[in-house]
Protein backbone atom coordinates (compact mmCIF):
# COMPACT_ATOMS: atom_id res chain seq x y z
CA MET A 1 29.95 -18.54 4.63
CA HIS A 2 31.32 -22.08 4.57
CA TYR A 3 33.27 -23.40 7.53
CA ASN A 4 33.79 -27.08 8.30
CA PHE A 5 34.15 -27.81 11.98
CA HIS A 6 36.76 -30.38 12.97
CA TRP A 7 36.50 -31.39 16.61
CA ARG A 8 38.54 -34.59 16.49
CA PRO A 9 41.95 -32.80 16.73
CA VAL A 10 40.64 -30.87 19.72
CA LEU A 11 39.53 -34.04 21.49
CA GLN A 12 42.90 -35.62 20.77
CA ALA A 13 44.66 -32.58 22.23
CA LEU A 14 42.40 -32.46 25.31
CA PRO A 15 45.01 -34.09 27.64
CA GLN A 16 47.48 -31.33 26.74
CA MET A 17 44.85 -28.67 27.43
CA LEU A 18 43.96 -30.27 30.77
CA ALA A 19 47.65 -30.23 31.71
CA GLY A 20 47.59 -26.52 30.87
CA CYS A 21 44.61 -26.15 33.22
CA VAL A 22 46.74 -27.49 36.08
CA VAL A 23 49.42 -24.85 35.43
CA THR A 24 46.73 -22.16 35.21
CA VAL A 25 45.31 -23.14 38.61
CA GLU A 26 48.81 -23.29 40.11
CA ILE A 27 49.58 -19.73 38.98
CA ALA A 28 46.21 -18.42 40.18
CA ALA A 29 46.52 -20.12 43.59
CA LEU A 30 50.09 -18.91 44.12
CA ALA A 31 49.27 -15.36 43.00
CA THR A 32 46.23 -15.27 45.28
CA ALA A 33 48.20 -16.55 48.29
CA ILE A 34 50.91 -13.92 47.75
CA GLY A 35 48.24 -11.29 47.13
CA ILE A 36 46.48 -12.13 50.41
CA ALA A 37 49.68 -11.84 52.43
CA ALA A 38 50.67 -8.59 50.72
CA GLY A 39 47.10 -7.28 50.95
CA VAL A 40 46.98 -7.74 54.72
CA ALA A 41 50.32 -5.95 55.04
CA LEU A 42 49.09 -3.09 52.84
CA ALA A 43 45.84 -2.80 54.80
CA LEU A 44 47.80 -2.54 58.04
CA GLY A 45 50.09 0.01 56.39
CA ARG A 46 47.13 2.13 55.26
CA THR A 47 45.72 2.17 58.79
CA SER A 48 49.12 2.78 60.41
CA ALA A 49 49.93 5.99 62.22
CA ASN A 50 53.35 5.87 60.53
CA ARG A 51 53.12 8.29 57.60
CA THR A 52 55.88 6.57 55.62
CA ALA A 53 54.20 3.16 55.86
CA ALA A 54 50.80 4.67 55.05
CA GLY A 55 52.23 6.58 52.07
CA LEU A 56 54.01 3.56 50.60
CA ALA A 57 50.90 1.41 51.01
CA LEU A 58 48.74 4.08 49.38
CA ALA A 59 51.17 4.40 46.44
CA TRP A 60 51.08 0.62 45.84
CA ILE A 61 47.29 0.49 46.04
CA GLU A 62 46.74 3.51 43.79
CA PHE A 63 49.14 2.23 41.15
CA GLY A 64 47.78 -1.32 41.25
CA ARG A 65 44.13 -0.32 41.08
CA ASN A 66 44.48 2.38 38.41
CA THR A 67 46.78 0.77 35.83
CA PRO A 68 46.05 -2.24 33.59
CA GLY A 69 47.10 -5.65 34.89
CA LEU A 70 48.88 -6.22 31.57
CA PHE A 71 51.20 -3.28 32.30
CA GLN A 72 52.04 -4.72 35.71
CA ILE A 73 52.96 -8.07 34.14
CA TYR A 74 55.06 -6.26 31.53
CA LEU A 75 56.89 -4.34 34.25
CA ALA A 76 57.68 -7.61 36.05
CA TYR A 77 58.90 -9.31 32.86
CA PHE A 78 60.43 -6.55 30.72
CA GLY A 79 60.84 -3.74 33.25
CA LEU A 80 62.80 -5.67 35.87
CA GLY A 81 64.88 -7.18 33.07
CA SER A 82 66.14 -3.67 32.28
CA PHE A 83 67.71 -3.62 35.76
CA GLY A 84 69.29 -7.05 35.38
CA LEU A 85 66.58 -8.98 37.20
CA HIS A 86 65.27 -11.49 34.68
CA LEU A 87 62.14 -13.39 35.69
CA SER A 88 60.78 -16.39 33.85
CA SER A 89 57.42 -16.05 32.14
CA PHE A 90 55.84 -18.09 34.93
CA ALA A 91 57.37 -15.95 37.70
CA ALA A 92 56.61 -12.64 35.97
CA LEU A 93 52.98 -13.57 35.36
CA THR A 94 52.57 -14.74 38.95
CA ALA A 95 54.22 -11.59 40.30
CA GLY A 96 52.08 -9.31 38.13
CA ILE A 97 48.83 -10.99 39.13
CA ALA A 98 49.87 -11.07 42.80
CA PHE A 99 50.68 -7.34 42.69
CA ASN A 100 47.28 -6.64 41.20
CA ASN A 101 45.52 -8.90 43.71
CA ALA A 102 47.22 -7.23 46.65
CA SER A 103 46.10 -3.79 45.46
CA TYR A 104 42.44 -4.77 45.40
CA LEU A 105 42.47 -7.04 48.44
CA ALA A 106 44.16 -4.36 50.55
CA GLU A 107 41.07 -2.16 50.38
CA THR A 108 38.85 -5.18 51.03
CA PHE A 109 40.90 -6.05 54.12
CA ARG A 110 40.90 -2.43 55.27
CA GLY A 111 37.11 -2.40 55.12
CA GLY A 112 37.03 -5.71 56.99
CA LEU A 113 39.28 -4.34 59.73
CA ARG A 114 36.97 -1.37 60.18
CA ALA A 115 34.03 -3.77 60.60
CA ILE A 116 35.67 -5.40 63.64
CA PRO A 117 35.09 -3.42 66.86
CA ALA A 118 38.32 -2.09 68.35
CA THR A 119 37.04 -3.15 71.77
CA GLN A 120 37.78 -6.78 70.90
CA ALA A 121 41.50 -6.14 70.54
CA ARG A 122 41.48 -4.11 73.74
CA ALA A 123 39.67 -6.93 75.56
CA ALA A 124 42.30 -9.39 74.32
CA ARG A 125 45.05 -7.10 75.60
CA SER A 126 43.33 -6.90 78.97
CA LEU A 127 43.49 -10.72 79.16
CA GLY A 128 47.26 -10.58 78.81
CA MET A 129 47.71 -11.03 75.08
CA SER A 130 50.34 -9.03 73.25
CA GLY A 131 49.36 -6.85 70.29
CA PRO A 132 50.51 -9.42 67.68
CA GLN A 133 48.78 -12.22 69.57
CA ALA A 134 45.52 -10.29 69.72
CA PHE A 135 45.71 -9.60 65.99
CA ARG A 136 46.57 -13.20 65.08
CA LEU A 137 44.12 -14.96 67.39
CA ILE A 138 41.23 -12.50 67.65
CA VAL A 139 41.22 -10.04 64.74
CA LEU A 140 42.59 -12.12 61.85
CA PRO A 141 40.06 -15.02 62.08
CA GLN A 142 37.17 -12.53 62.07
CA LEU A 143 38.73 -10.58 59.22
CA PHE A 144 38.98 -13.63 56.98
CA ARG A 145 35.41 -14.57 57.75
CA ILE A 146 34.28 -11.12 56.61
CA VAL A 147 36.38 -11.05 53.43
CA TYR A 148 36.16 -14.75 52.51
CA TYR A 149 33.89 -14.36 49.50
CA PRO A 150 35.73 -11.33 48.03
CA ILE A 151 38.91 -13.44 48.22
CA THR A 152 37.27 -16.27 46.26
CA ASN A 153 36.11 -13.76 43.65
CA GLN A 154 39.65 -12.43 43.37
CA MET A 155 41.00 -15.93 42.83
CA THR A 156 38.52 -16.45 40.00
CA LEU A 157 39.75 -13.22 38.42
CA SER A 158 43.30 -14.48 38.85
CA VAL A 159 42.45 -17.59 36.83
CA LEU A 160 41.16 -15.42 33.99
CA MET A 161 44.18 -13.09 34.18
CA THR A 162 46.56 -16.00 33.60
CA ALA A 163 45.61 -15.82 29.90
CA LEU A 164 47.78 -12.68 29.77
CA GLY A 165 50.76 -15.02 30.04
CA LEU A 166 50.61 -15.25 26.25
CA THR A 167 52.05 -11.74 26.08
CA VAL A 168 55.22 -12.74 27.95
CA GLY A 169 55.78 -16.05 26.18
CA LEU A 170 54.24 -18.48 28.68
CA ASP A 171 53.28 -21.63 26.77
CA THR A 172 52.53 -24.16 29.52
CA ASP A 173 49.24 -22.78 30.87
CA LEU A 174 45.84 -23.28 29.24
CA ALA A 175 46.04 -20.16 27.05
CA GLY A 176 49.60 -20.92 25.99
CA VAL A 177 48.87 -24.55 25.11
CA THR A 178 45.76 -23.49 23.21
CA GLN A 179 47.69 -20.94 21.19
CA GLN A 180 50.38 -23.48 20.32
CA LEU A 181 47.76 -25.94 19.09
CA ASN A 182 46.05 -23.17 17.14
CA VAL A 183 49.30 -22.24 15.38
CA LEU A 184 49.86 -25.86 14.37
CA THR A 185 46.34 -26.56 13.09
CA TYR A 186 44.65 -23.18 12.43
CA ARG A 187 41.48 -24.51 14.07
CA THR A 188 41.04 -21.28 16.03
CA PHE A 189 37.33 -21.49 16.74
CA GLU A 190 37.40 -25.09 17.92
CA TYR A 191 40.43 -24.78 20.22
CA PHE A 192 39.53 -21.46 21.79
CA SER A 193 35.89 -22.50 22.24
CA VAL A 194 37.01 -25.53 24.25
CA ALA A 195 39.54 -23.39 26.14
CA ALA A 196 36.80 -20.91 27.04
CA LEU A 197 34.66 -23.79 28.31
CA LEU A 198 37.58 -25.07 30.41
CA TYR A 199 38.11 -21.60 31.94
CA TYR A 200 34.40 -21.50 32.73
CA LEU A 201 34.51 -24.92 34.39
CA ILE A 202 37.59 -23.98 36.44
CA ALA A 203 35.86 -20.82 37.69
CA LYS A 204 32.66 -22.70 38.53
CA ALA A 205 34.61 -25.46 40.30
CA MET A 206 36.42 -22.87 42.41
CA MET A 207 33.18 -21.21 43.43
CA LEU A 208 31.68 -24.59 44.34
CA VAL A 209 34.71 -25.57 46.43
CA SER A 210 34.70 -22.18 48.16
CA ARG A 211 31.02 -22.57 49.11
CA LEU A 212 31.63 -26.06 50.48
CA LEU A 213 34.59 -24.77 52.50
CA ALA A 214 32.52 -21.87 53.79
CA ARG A 215 29.86 -24.26 55.08
CA ARG A 216 32.52 -26.18 56.98
CA LEU A 217 34.54 -23.21 58.21
CA PHE A 218 31.71 -20.86 59.14
CA ARG A 219 29.13 -23.19 60.63
CA TYR A 220 28.96 -21.13 63.80
C-alpha cells in the first residue's frame, strides 16, 4: 500500500472550506430556529383538546421521527417540484432539516410542558393575565429553561445533517465545497479528513457557546 499524502492543496483551499463552514452554520441555525417555532406549535397541538389539531400534530411527529431525514429533504426538493413548487437546494435542505427538528423537538417540548405545574398558569390567570400572556410570560420561559440543552443537541445534529445537501446539489456549504475540491484534485482522504475536523470543531464550538449562554441565562 503506497499513498503519498499531499496537504498543501488542502491548506491552500482552507479559505474556501471555511466559507463553506459559514453557510453550514447558517443553514443549521435557520433550520433550528424554524424547528423550535414549529416544535412549540406541534407540542401545543398534541396537548390540545381539539382532535383535528392533535391528529395533525401527531401525523407530523410520527412521519418526521420514523422516516429518514434524507427522504424528508428529497420530498422538499424533488417532491414539491412535482407540484410546481421548486425550492433551491439551500431552501430544500433547510426545510427538510427544520421539518425533522420540529418532529423531535415537539416531543421534547411536550415533556417540558408536562414538567411545569398547571397551577402556575392558573395563578397567572388569577392575577389578570390572559391565556396567551400567561403562556408567553410564565410558561414559555420555564419551558425553554427545561429544554435548553436538548435544543443545543438538536442544533449540533442539524450541523451534521447539512452534509446531506450534497444529494440535492448544494455546493456552497462545507460538504459541497469539499466535494468540489475532491473532484478537481482526487485528494479524497486529505480533503474529507480536514472537513471532518471542521465539522467536529463547529460542533464543539456550539456546545461551548451554549454552555456559556446557559451560565448567563440561568444563573438564578
